[in-house]
Amino acid sequence: MKVLIARTNHETNTFSPVATPLSAFGPQGPVYGADALAANLGKRTAMAAFIDLAQQHGADMVTPIDASAYPSGPVDGEAYRHICDTIVDAAPGCDALLLDLHGAMVAETTDDGEGDLLERLRARLPGVPIAVALDLHGNVTQKMIDHADVIVSFKTYPHIDMYETGAHAGRLLFDMLAGNSRPVVAWRRLPLVSHTLRSATDTPAMRAAVEAARAAESSGLLAASVLPGFGLADIAFPCLSVVTVADGDRNAAQRAADALAEGIWGKRAGFCYDREPLAESLARAQDMARAATRPVMLLDHGDNCMSGGTCDTMDVLSAALDLGLEGILAGLYCDPRAVDALHQAGVGAAVALPVGNKQSLERIGRQARPMALQGTVLALSDGWYTITGPTYTGQRACMGRSAVLDIGAARLVLTERTHEPWDLGVFESLGQDPREARFLLLKSRMYCRPVFVPISAGLVECDSPGATSSDWSLFPFKRRARPLYPLEDAGPGMTDYAG
């Protein structure tokens, strides 16, 4: 038996100015063949689980590509074609396909990156089983449903069950190959655009939805997935979906999907985020810090690279400094020109230079000027470190060349690449101990939390007008369906949006 195992992940923010060429799909671009296999061995990805299952079943493996990019603007058309061609061209002769996908990929040439890929694979290999592991933030489409035999998504955000999701999807596929089950897929899409901060699985509405999905699985359903979707995409349906898999009974799968969707719709207000003015957030953080013995976390979620942010807006830092906050350790700010200047100056040098606000945010109608800063270069590095936290455990990560600039009230970690603070290593690799800060200002939404919350006295979400803001009014949607709650009143029902 020969199985194809491939990975391509991209969450596309169509409002982001950050380009997505082929080189963005990995520290040095995609990896292929044996290198794609090696890159996932022992890791916590869905692809790693597929590999382990294939080995357990004695299957021969074809691993054409591992291409994973940070969220950013639409994928370059040629890059998308290359990735898809690499997978499709490797498929002939395979008895099954196991795909580690995201579900919210938009390319310059298509709004449905995963659906189009699955359609091509199904046409190339009619009748060959296809199992897909999706990110919880996938924007599910009819093409995905039509051309996959198994679909399972993450059930955690922050995502700490990527491997488990791959194991779930892969197990269903191998059971199908053995003749032990006949998976059938159903779905329901809601007219609901979920705020990313309300798709966290510790928030009440999302927690209830996931618990209901787990209960459905415990009652005999092969799989039940709740996908809040990714709202920062100007496509027809950047919406929450439910996907179910039953054993041979499509009606049962559909009934389960409908029931889960109805329960979610009744709690739809819980998927909306209530923004707090930035000044109030920072004042609250200042009060928390007075009695704290550990750092207070400030999350600049309006400029988060894991949703397509530029990681160079300075609004939160500027407001914190104006309020008189001190002892700030802040990052990660993506500013290649500033990093180059600091590396040229060298450790210990006194410098004056413009920092941040260099990426255009014209798509959300915002222009900003770089912040003039003076300080001392504290540290320099090549930006490489090993992730020890629960997400991507053990993987080598690279921020690009990096530097620490001390401006007195704050120390800023500047990087050549946009990079999520996955791990204490983003600071410790540059000689900075985040435990000693009074305030930790992180450009993040969720992924920092499993690592940084335990060392913090508290967490304050700071709203800022960036490409990942929770303020929907900033984004000029032109192509989406209407009405979609909460952007409009979608009425009491959701019949028109059934899958």
Protein backbone atom coordinates (compact mmCIF):
# COMPACT_ATOMS: atom_id res chain seq x y z
CA MET A 1 0.00 0.00 0.00
CA LYS A 2 1.28 3.45 -0.94
CA VAL A 3 0.01 6.63 0.72
CA LEU A 4 0.65 10.25 -0.14
CA ILE A 5 1.23 12.53 2.86
CA ALA A 6 1.59 16.27 2.30
CA ARG A 7 1.26 19.51 4.21
CA THR A 8 0.41 23.01 3.03
CA ASN A 9 -0.87 25.57 5.52
CA HIS A 10 -1.78 29.20 5.03
CA GLU A 11 -4.40 31.38 6.70
CA THR A 12 -4.99 34.26 4.34
CA ASN A 13 -5.83 37.74 5.59
CA THR A 14 -6.92 39.49 2.39
CA PHE A 15 -6.48 42.88 4.11
CA SER A 16 -2.85 42.21 5.04
CA PRO A 17 -0.09 43.99 3.10
CA VAL A 18 2.36 41.18 3.91
CA ALA A 19 3.23 39.35 0.69
CA THR A 20 3.12 35.54 0.44
CA PRO A 21 5.65 34.32 -2.14
CA LEU A 22 6.85 30.72 -2.29
CA SER A 23 9.79 31.62 -0.05
CA ALA A 24 7.35 32.38 2.79
CA PHE A 25 6.39 28.69 3.07
CA GLY A 26 9.08 27.72 5.55
CA PRO A 27 12.21 29.25 7.10
CA GLN A 28 13.86 28.87 3.70
CA GLY A 29 10.84 27.98 1.58
CA PRO A 30 9.07 24.61 1.25
CA VAL A 31 10.85 21.31 1.81
CA TYR A 32 10.37 18.31 -0.46
CA GLY A 33 10.50 14.52 -0.48
CA ALA A 34 12.75 13.04 2.19
CA ASP A 35 13.30 16.50 3.68
CA ALA A 36 9.52 16.95 4.11
CA LEU A 37 9.37 13.61 5.87
CA ALA A 38 12.32 14.43 8.14
CA ALA A 39 10.91 17.86 8.99
CA ASN A 40 7.87 16.23 10.61
CA LEU A 41 9.34 13.18 12.30
CA GLY A 42 8.75 13.39 16.04
CA LYS A 43 6.96 16.72 15.73
CA ARG A 44 3.44 17.72 16.84
CA THR A 45 1.95 18.39 13.40
CA ALA A 46 -0.94 16.54 11.76
CA MET A 47 1.53 15.44 9.10
CA ALA A 48 3.67 13.84 11.80
CA ALA A 49 0.67 11.80 12.96
CA PHE A 50 0.01 10.70 9.38
CA ILE A 51 3.61 9.53 9.09
CA ASP A 52 3.40 7.57 12.34
CA LEU A 53 0.18 5.85 11.25
CA ALA A 54 1.59 4.98 7.83
CA GLN A 55 4.62 3.40 9.49
CA GLN A 56 2.40 1.44 11.87
CA HIS A 57 0.44 0.05 8.91
CA GLY A 58 3.56 -0.80 6.94
CA ALA A 59 2.64 1.57 4.12
CA ASP A 60 5.06 3.06 1.65
CA MET A 61 5.04 6.84 1.88
CA VAL A 62 5.22 9.59 -0.71
CA THR A 63 5.88 12.96 0.94
CA PRO A 64 6.06 15.49 -1.89
CA ILE A 65 6.04 18.73 0.12
CA ASP A 66 5.79 20.48 3.46
CA ALA A 67 4.87 24.11 2.79
CA SER A 68 3.67 26.13 5.76
CA ALA A 69 3.58 29.93 5.90
CA TYR A 70 2.59 32.45 8.52
CA PRO A 71 -0.77 34.14 7.87
CA SER A 72 -0.40 37.04 5.45
CA GLY A 73 -1.90 38.45 2.27
CA PRO A 74 -3.14 36.34 -0.67
CA VAL A 75 -0.74 33.63 -1.79
CA ASP A 76 1.22 34.44 -4.95
CA GLY A 77 -0.50 32.73 -7.88
CA GLU A 78 2.61 30.95 -9.12
CA ALA A 79 3.50 29.81 -5.60
CA TYR A 80 0.02 28.33 -5.17
CA ARG A 81 0.23 26.56 -8.54
CA HIS A 82 3.66 25.15 -7.70
CA ILE A 83 2.55 23.77 -4.32
CA CYS A 84 -0.60 22.19 -5.77
CA ASP A 85 1.23 20.79 -8.82
CA THR A 86 3.83 19.21 -6.54
CA ILE A 87 1.11 17.37 -4.61
CA VAL A 88 -1.06 16.45 -7.59
CA ASP A 89 1.86 15.22 -9.70
CA ALA A 90 2.98 12.91 -6.88
CA ALA A 91 -0.48 11.35 -6.41
CA PRO A 92 -0.71 8.79 -9.28
CA GLY A 93 -0.13 5.27 -8.02
CA CYS A 94 -1.11 6.09 -4.44
CA ASP A 95 -3.84 4.13 -2.64
CA ALA A 96 -4.76 6.92 -0.21
CA LEU A 97 -4.09 10.60 0.40
CA LEU A 98 -3.49 12.19 3.82
CA LEU A 99 -3.41 15.98 3.71
CA ASP A 100 -2.44 18.41 6.46
CA LEU A 101 -4.19 21.60 5.29
CA HIS A 102 -5.34 24.83 6.89
CA GLY A 103 -8.71 25.53 5.28
CA ALA A 104 -8.51 29.31 4.87
CA MET A 105 -6.07 29.69 1.99
CA VAL A 106 -6.83 32.40 -0.57
CA ALA A 107 -4.52 32.80 -3.55
CA GLU A 108 -4.33 35.49 -6.20
CA THR A 109 -5.99 32.99 -8.51
CA THR A 110 -8.65 31.47 -6.24
CA ASP A 111 -10.68 32.16 -3.10
CA ASP A 112 -10.80 28.44 -2.30
CA GLY A 113 -7.24 27.21 -2.13
CA GLU A 114 -7.96 23.91 -0.40
CA GLY A 115 -11.19 23.21 -2.29
CA ASP A 116 -9.51 23.65 -5.67
CA LEU A 117 -6.61 21.41 -4.64
CA LEU A 118 -8.98 18.66 -3.46
CA GLU A 119 -11.00 18.97 -6.67
CA ARG A 120 -7.85 18.43 -8.75
CA LEU A 121 -6.80 15.44 -6.66
CA ARG A 122 -10.23 13.83 -6.90
CA ALA A 123 -10.23 14.27 -10.68
CA ARG A 124 -6.73 12.81 -10.94
CA LEU A 125 -7.47 9.84 -8.67
CA PRO A 126 -11.20 9.11 -8.71
CA GLY A 127 -12.20 6.66 -6.00
CA VAL A 128 -8.97 6.99 -4.01
CA PRO A 129 -9.76 7.88 -0.34
CA ILE A 130 -8.75 11.34 0.85
CA ALA A 131 -8.48 12.38 4.52
CA VAL A 132 -7.92 15.98 5.54
CA ALA A 133 -6.85 17.54 8.83
CA LEU A 134 -7.89 21.19 9.05
CA ASP A 135 -7.09 24.13 11.28
CA LEU A 136 -9.95 25.20 13.53
CA HIS A 137 -10.02 28.52 11.62
CA GLY A 138 -10.71 26.99 8.23
CA ASN A 139 -13.36 28.62 6.04
CA VAL A 140 -15.07 25.44 4.85
CA THR A 141 -16.47 25.30 1.30
CA GLN A 142 -18.69 22.93 -0.63
CA LYS A 143 -15.70 21.83 -2.73
CA MET A 144 -13.88 20.65 0.41
CA ILE A 145 -16.90 18.63 1.46
CA ASP A 146 -17.46 17.18 -2.02
CA HIS A 147 -13.91 16.01 -2.58
CA ALA A 148 -12.80 14.59 0.80
CA ASP A 149 -13.85 11.33 2.46
CA VAL A 150 -12.75 12.42 5.93
CA ILE A 151 -12.44 15.92 7.40
CA VAL A 152 -11.41 16.56 11.00
CA SER A 153 -10.33 19.89 12.49
CA PHE A 154 -8.48 20.95 15.61
CA LYS A 155 -10.53 21.23 18.79
CA THR A 156 -8.22 23.61 20.65
CA TYR A 157 -7.21 27.23 20.27
CA PRO A 158 -4.39 27.85 21.03
CA HIS A 159 -3.80 24.78 18.87
CA ILE A 160 -2.18 22.09 20.98
CA ASP A 161 -3.95 19.13 19.34
CA MET A 162 -2.54 19.29 15.82
CA TYR A 163 -0.99 15.84 16.14
CA GLU A 164 -4.14 14.39 17.71
CA THR A 165 -6.25 15.78 14.86
CA GLY A 166 -4.01 14.14 12.29
CA ALA A 167 -4.18 10.88 14.24
CA HIS A 168 -8.00 11.10 14.28
CA ALA A 169 -8.32 11.78 10.55
CA GLY A 170 -5.69 9.19 9.67
CA ARG A 171 -7.25 6.51 11.83
CA LEU A 172 -10.60 6.97 10.06
CA LEU A 173 -8.90 6.67 6.67
CA PHE A 174 -7.05 3.46 7.55
CA ASP A 175 -10.26 2.00 9.01
CA MET A 176 -11.92 2.83 5.68
CA LEU A 177 -9.12 1.14 3.74
CA ALA A 178 -9.49 -1.96 5.93
CA GLY A 179 -13.23 -2.09 5.23
CA ASN A 180 -14.12 -1.43 8.87
CA SER A 181 -16.11 1.75 8.18
CA ARG A 182 -17.64 3.84 5.39
CA PRO A 183 -17.07 7.51 6.32
CA VAL A 184 -19.55 10.05 4.93
CA VAL A 185 -19.21 13.80 5.44
CA ALA A 186 -21.90 16.42 6.10
CA TRP A 187 -21.77 20.06 7.11
CA ARG A 188 -23.65 23.19 8.05
CA ARG A 189 -22.45 26.77 7.57
CA LEU A 190 -23.80 29.57 9.74
CA PRO A 191 -24.21 33.25 8.74
CA LEU A 192 -21.82 34.05 11.58
CA VAL A 193 -18.41 35.75 11.38
CA SER A 194 -16.57 34.88 14.56
CA HIS A 195 -13.99 37.15 16.16
CA THR A 196 -10.75 35.23 16.53
CA LEU A 197 -10.48 36.10 20.22
CA ARG A 198 -13.87 34.44 20.75
CA SER A 199 -12.83 31.22 19.05
CA ALA A 200 -10.49 30.40 21.91
CA THR A 201 -11.64 27.14 23.41
CA ASP A 202 -11.67 28.53 26.95
CA THR A 203 -14.35 31.10 26.06
CA PRO A 204 -17.89 30.04 27.02
CA ALA A 205 -19.58 29.81 23.61
CA MET A 206 -16.71 28.04 21.88
CA ARG A 207 -16.11 25.74 24.83
CA ALA A 208 -19.79 24.71 24.77
CA ALA A 209 -19.63 24.07 21.01
CA VAL A 210 -16.54 21.87 21.31
CA GLU A 211 -18.02 19.98 24.25
CA ALA A 212 -21.14 19.31 22.17
CA ALA A 213 -18.96 18.04 19.31
CA ARG A 214 -17.09 15.72 21.65
CA ALA A 215 -20.38 14.45 23.06
CA ALA A 216 -21.57 13.67 19.52
CA GLU A 217 -18.40 11.66 18.92
CA SER A 218 -18.91 9.81 22.20
CA SER A 219 -22.41 8.91 21.01
CA GLY A 220 -21.14 7.15 17.91
CA LEU A 221 -20.30 9.85 15.35
CA LEU A 222 -16.91 9.20 13.75
CA ALA A 223 -15.94 12.89 13.95
CA ALA A 224 -17.49 16.25 14.72
CA SER A 225 -15.62 19.50 14.11
CA VAL A 226 -16.51 23.10 14.93
CA LEU A 227 -14.62 25.57 12.75
CA PRO A 228 -15.18 29.23 13.73
CA GLY A 229 -13.53 30.22 10.46
CA PHE A 230 -11.28 33.17 9.72
CA GLY A 231 -13.16 36.43 9.41
CA LEU A 232 -10.40 38.64 7.98
CA ALA A 233 -10.92 37.34 4.46
CA ASP A 234 -13.00 39.23 1.92
CA ILE A 235 -14.53 36.11 0.40
CA ALA A 236 -18.17 35.06 0.11
CA PHE A 237 -18.38 33.13 3.38
CA PRO A 238 -15.70 33.80 6.02
CA CYS A 239 -18.03 31.97 8.38
CA LEU A 240 -18.34 29.46 11.19
CA SER A 241 -19.04 25.89 10.04
CA VAL A 242 -19.75 22.49 11.53
CA VAL A 243 -18.43 19.36 9.79
CA THR A 244 -19.47 15.85 10.78
CA VAL A 245 -18.40 12.36 9.70
CA ALA A 246 -20.69 9.35 10.18
CA ASP A 247 -20.28 5.67 9.37
CA GLY A 248 -22.27 5.09 6.20
CA ASP A 249 -25.30 7.17 7.21
CA ARG A 250 -25.25 10.59 5.55
CA ASN A 251 -28.59 11.52 7.07
CA ALA A 252 -27.22 10.86 10.55
CA ALA A 253 -24.19 13.01 9.75
CA GLN A 254 -26.42 15.83 8.54
CA ARG A 255 -28.73 15.64 11.55
CA ALA A 256 -25.72 15.88 13.84
CA ALA A 257 -24.28 18.85 11.92
CA ASP A 258 -27.64 20.63 12.02
CA ALA A 259 -28.08 20.05 15.74
CA LEU A 260 -24.60 21.33 16.56
CA ALA A 261 -25.13 24.38 14.34
CA GLU A 262 -28.47 25.20 15.94
CA GLY A 263 -26.87 25.10 19.38
CA ILE A 264 -24.10 27.44 18.25
CA TRP A 265 -26.55 29.85 16.61
CA GLY A 266 -28.42 30.15 19.90
CA LYS A 267 -25.18 31.30 21.53
CA ARG A 268 -23.97 33.45 18.61
CA ALA A 269 -23.45 36.57 20.72
CA GLY A 270 -20.68 34.67 22.51
CA PHE A 271 -18.62 34.67 19.31
CA CYS A 272 -18.49 38.49 19.23
CA TYR A 273 -15.70 40.45 20.89
CA ASP A 274 -16.38 43.54 22.99
CA ARG A 275 -13.48 45.94 22.48
CA GLU A 276 -12.07 47.94 25.38
CA PRO A 277 -10.53 51.35 24.57
CA LEU A 278 -6.73 51.16 24.58
CA ALA A 279 -6.33 53.87 27.22
CA GLU A 280 -8.59 51.96 29.59
CA SER A 281 -6.73 48.69 29.00
CA LEU A 282 -3.36 50.25 29.76
CA ALA A 283 -4.67 52.03 32.86
CA ARG A 284 -6.02 48.70 34.11
CA ALA A 285 -2.65 47.07 33.47
CA GLN A 286 -0.91 49.86 35.36
CA ASP A 287 -3.17 49.22 38.37
CA MET A 288 -2.49 45.48 38.20
CA ALA A 289 1.27 46.03 38.16
CA ARG A 290 1.31 48.06 41.37
CA ALA A 291 0.82 44.98 43.54
CA ALA A 292 2.28 42.39 41.18
CA THR A 293 5.50 40.48 41.71
CA ARG A 294 5.42 39.04 38.20
CA PRO A 295 5.07 40.77 34.82
CA VAL A 296 1.70 41.94 33.52
CA MET A 297 1.09 40.81 29.92
CA LEU A 298 -0.08 43.35 27.36
CA LEU A 299 -1.35 41.62 24.21
CA ASP A 300 -1.24 43.79 21.10
CA HIS A 301 -3.77 41.60 19.28
CA GLY A 302 -4.50 44.19 16.58
CA ASP A 303 -1.12 43.43 14.99
CA ASN A 304 -0.62 39.69 15.32
CA CYS A 305 1.38 37.87 12.66
CA MET A 306 -0.61 34.66 13.18
CA SER A 307 -3.60 36.45 11.70
CA GLY A 308 -1.66 38.39 9.03
CA GLY A 309 -0.39 41.41 10.94
CA THR A 310 2.67 43.38 9.90
CA CYS A 311 4.14 43.27 13.43
CA ASP A 312 5.39 46.82 13.04
CA THR A 313 2.60 49.04 14.38
CA MET A 314 3.63 51.13 17.38
CA ASP A 315 0.27 52.26 18.83
CA VAL A 316 0.32 50.17 22.00
CA LEU A 317 3.96 50.89 22.81
CA SER A 318 3.50 54.60 22.17
CA ALA A 319 0.41 54.78 24.39
CA ALA A 320 2.14 52.78 27.14
CA LEU A 321 5.12 55.13 27.14
CA ASP A 322 2.84 58.18 27.17
CA LEU A 323 1.11 56.76 30.25
CA GLY A 324 4.47 56.39 31.99
CA LEU A 325 4.76 52.61 32.02
CA GLU A 326 8.31 51.38 32.65
CA GLY A 327 10.11 48.07 32.79
CA ILE A 328 8.57 46.99 29.47
CA LEU A 329 9.94 44.07 27.47
CA ALA A 330 8.28 44.31 24.07
CA GLY A 331 8.23 42.28 20.86
CA LEU A 332 8.37 41.04 18.35
CA TYR A 333 8.63 44.09 16.05
CA CYS A 334 9.39 43.24 12.44
CA ASP A 335 11.63 45.97 11.02
CA PRO A 336 14.41 44.63 8.78
CA ARG A 337 15.89 48.09 8.14
CA ALA A 338 16.16 48.85 11.84
CA VAL A 339 17.67 45.42 12.51
CA ASP A 340 20.27 45.99 9.84
CA ALA A 341 21.18 49.36 11.34
CA LEU A 342 21.52 47.85 14.82
CA HIS A 343 23.71 45.00 13.55
CA GLN A 344 25.92 47.51 11.79
CA ALA A 345 26.15 49.62 14.94
CA GLY A 346 27.05 46.65 17.18
CA VAL A 347 26.35 45.74 20.79
CA GLY A 348 26.82 48.67 23.17
CA ALA A 349 26.35 51.34 20.53
CA ALA A 350 24.14 54.36 21.17
CA VAL A 351 21.74 54.82 18.26
CA ALA A 352 18.94 57.05 17.03
CA LEU A 353 16.71 55.63 14.31
CA PRO A 354 13.12 55.31 13.04
CA VAL A 355 11.38 52.11 14.19
CA GLY A 356 8.15 50.49 13.04
CA ASN A 357 5.13 51.79 11.11
CA LYS A 358 6.89 51.14 7.80
CA GLN A 359 4.42 48.72 6.21
CA SER A 360 1.51 50.28 4.37
CA LEU A 361 -1.95 49.63 5.82
CA GLU A 362 -3.81 51.27 2.95
CA ARG A 363 -6.24 48.37 2.71
CA ILE A 364 -7.74 49.44 6.02
CA GLY A 365 -7.33 53.13 5.25
CA ARG A 366 -4.56 53.81 7.73
CA GLN A 367 -1.23 55.54 7.35
CA ALA A 368 1.36 55.86 10.08
CA ARG A 369 4.83 57.29 10.51
CA PRO A 370 7.85 55.49 11.99
CA MET A 371 8.56 56.18 15.65
CA ALA A 372 11.81 58.06 16.28
CA LEU A 373 13.70 56.24 19.06
CA GLN A 374 17.01 56.65 20.82
CA GLY A 375 18.68 53.92 22.81
CA THR A 376 21.43 51.34 23.20
CA VAL A 377 21.96 48.09 21.35
CA LEU A 378 21.81 45.41 24.05
CA ALA A 379 22.06 42.20 22.02
CA LEU A 380 22.24 40.77 18.52
CA SER A 381 21.54 37.28 17.16
CA ASP A 382 20.84 35.27 14.03
CA GLY A 383 17.31 34.69 15.34
CA TRP A 384 17.37 30.89 15.60
CA TYR A 385 16.03 29.05 18.65
CA THR A 386 14.27 25.76 19.53
CA ILE A 387 10.62 25.79 20.60
CA THR A 388 10.11 24.04 23.94
CA GLY A 389 6.46 25.01 24.50
CA PRO A 390 3.37 22.92 23.68
CA THR A 391 2.89 24.24 20.11
CA TYR A 392 5.41 23.00 17.49
CA THR A 393 7.43 21.44 20.31
CA GLY A 394 11.00 20.68 19.33
CA GLN A 395 10.98 22.58 16.06
CA ARG A 396 13.74 24.98 15.16
CA ALA A 397 12.36 28.46 14.56
CA CYS A 398 13.90 31.55 13.02
CA MET A 399 13.01 35.19 13.57
CA GLY A 400 15.58 36.33 11.03
CA ARG A 401 18.43 38.46 12.32
CA SER A 402 17.31 40.01 15.58
CA ALA A 403 18.31 42.74 17.99
CA VAL A 404 17.40 44.24 21.35
CA LEU A 405 17.09 48.03 21.59
CA ASP A 406 16.99 49.53 25.09
CA ILE A 407 15.19 52.89 25.10
CA GLY A 408 15.08 53.23 28.89
CA ALA A 409 11.45 52.58 29.78
CA ALA A 410 11.33 49.64 27.38
CA ARG A 411 13.50 47.04 25.71
CA LEU A 412 12.34 46.18 22.19
CA VAL A 413 13.08 42.93 20.38
CA LEU A 414 13.31 43.72 16.67
CA THR A 415 13.33 41.01 14.00
CA GLU A 416 13.79 40.67 10.25
CA ARG A 417 10.74 38.42 9.94
CA THR A 418 7.27 38.48 11.39
CA HIS A 419 7.29 35.89 14.13
CA GLU A 420 4.87 34.69 16.79
CA PRO A 421 6.22 34.61 20.37
CA TRP A 422 5.82 30.83 20.57
CA ASP A 423 8.26 30.41 23.36
CA LEU A 424 10.40 32.07 26.01
CA GLY A 425 13.20 31.49 23.51
CA VAL A 426 12.23 34.55 21.48
CA PHE A 427 13.61 36.59 24.38
CA GLU A 428 16.06 34.20 26.03
CA SER A 429 17.94 33.64 22.76
CA LEU A 430 18.81 37.35 23.00
CA GLY A 431 19.75 37.26 26.68
CA GLN A 432 16.46 38.74 27.93
CA ASP A 433 14.58 37.15 30.84
CA PRO A 434 10.85 37.85 30.43
CA ARG A 435 10.24 36.91 34.07
CA GLU A 436 12.12 40.03 35.17
CA ALA A 437 10.02 42.49 33.17
CA ARG A 438 7.32 44.58 34.79
CA PHE A 439 5.26 44.55 31.61
CA LEU A 440 5.46 42.04 28.75
CA LEU A 441 4.13 43.67 25.59
CA LEU A 442 3.59 40.88 23.07
CA LYS A 443 2.36 41.08 19.51
CA SER A 444 0.16 38.03 19.86
CA ARG A 445 -3.37 36.79 20.33
CA MET A 446 -3.29 33.24 21.58
CA TYR A 447 -0.17 31.25 20.89
CA CYS A 448 1.91 33.01 23.50
CA ARG A 449 -0.55 32.14 26.27
CA PRO A 450 0.43 28.55 27.14
CA VAL A 451 4.01 29.70 27.72
CA PHE A 452 3.74 33.28 28.99
CA VAL A 453 0.56 33.23 31.10
CA PRO A 454 2.14 30.91 33.72
CA ILE A 455 4.95 33.40 34.37
CA SER A 456 2.64 36.44 34.46
CA ALA A 457 0.56 38.21 37.08
CA GLY A 458 -2.26 38.84 34.63
CA LEU A 459 -3.18 39.44 31.01
CA VAL A 460 -4.64 42.56 29.40
CA GLU A 461 -5.85 42.52 25.78
CA CYS A 462 -4.88 45.79 24.08
CA ASP A 463 -6.88 46.83 21.02
CA SER A 464 -5.00 48.63 18.27
CA PRO A 465 -5.83 49.58 14.67
CA GLY A 466 -3.76 47.04 12.74
CA ALA A 467 -4.42 44.47 10.05
CA THR A 468 -5.72 42.01 12.65
CA SER A 469 -7.89 44.39 14.66
CA SER A 470 -11.11 43.16 16.28
CA ASP A 471 -12.80 46.34 15.03
CA TRP A 472 -14.72 45.07 11.98
CA SER A 473 -15.47 48.66 10.91
CA LEU A 474 -11.84 49.04 9.77
CA PHE A 475 -12.19 46.42 7.04
CA PRO A 476 -13.81 47.33 3.68
CA PHE A 477 -15.53 44.01 2.87
CA LYS A 478 -16.75 44.03 -0.74
CA ARG A 479 -17.22 40.39 -1.72
CA ARG A 480 -18.79 38.70 1.29
CA ALA A 481 -22.38 37.54 1.50
CA ARG A 482 -24.95 39.60 3.36
CA PRO A 483 -26.36 39.48 5.95
CA LEU A 484 -23.67 38.01 8.21
CA TYR A 485 -23.94 38.36 11.97
CA PRO A 486 -22.69 40.52 13.72
CA LEU A 487 -21.90 42.74 10.73
CA GLU A 488 -25.61 42.81 10.00
CA ASP A 489 -28.69 41.42 11.69
CA ALA A 490 -28.90 37.95 10.16
CA GLY A 491 -32.33 37.28 11.62
CA PRO A 492 -33.38 34.40 13.88
CA GLY A 493 -32.61 31.56 11.47
CA MET A 494 -29.84 30.34 9.19
CA THR A 495 -31.63 28.30 6.53
CA ASP A 496 -30.19 30.19 3.58
CA TYR A 497 -26.65 29.39 4.68
CA ALA A 498 -26.93 25.63 5.02
CA GLY A 499 -24.08 23.76 3.38
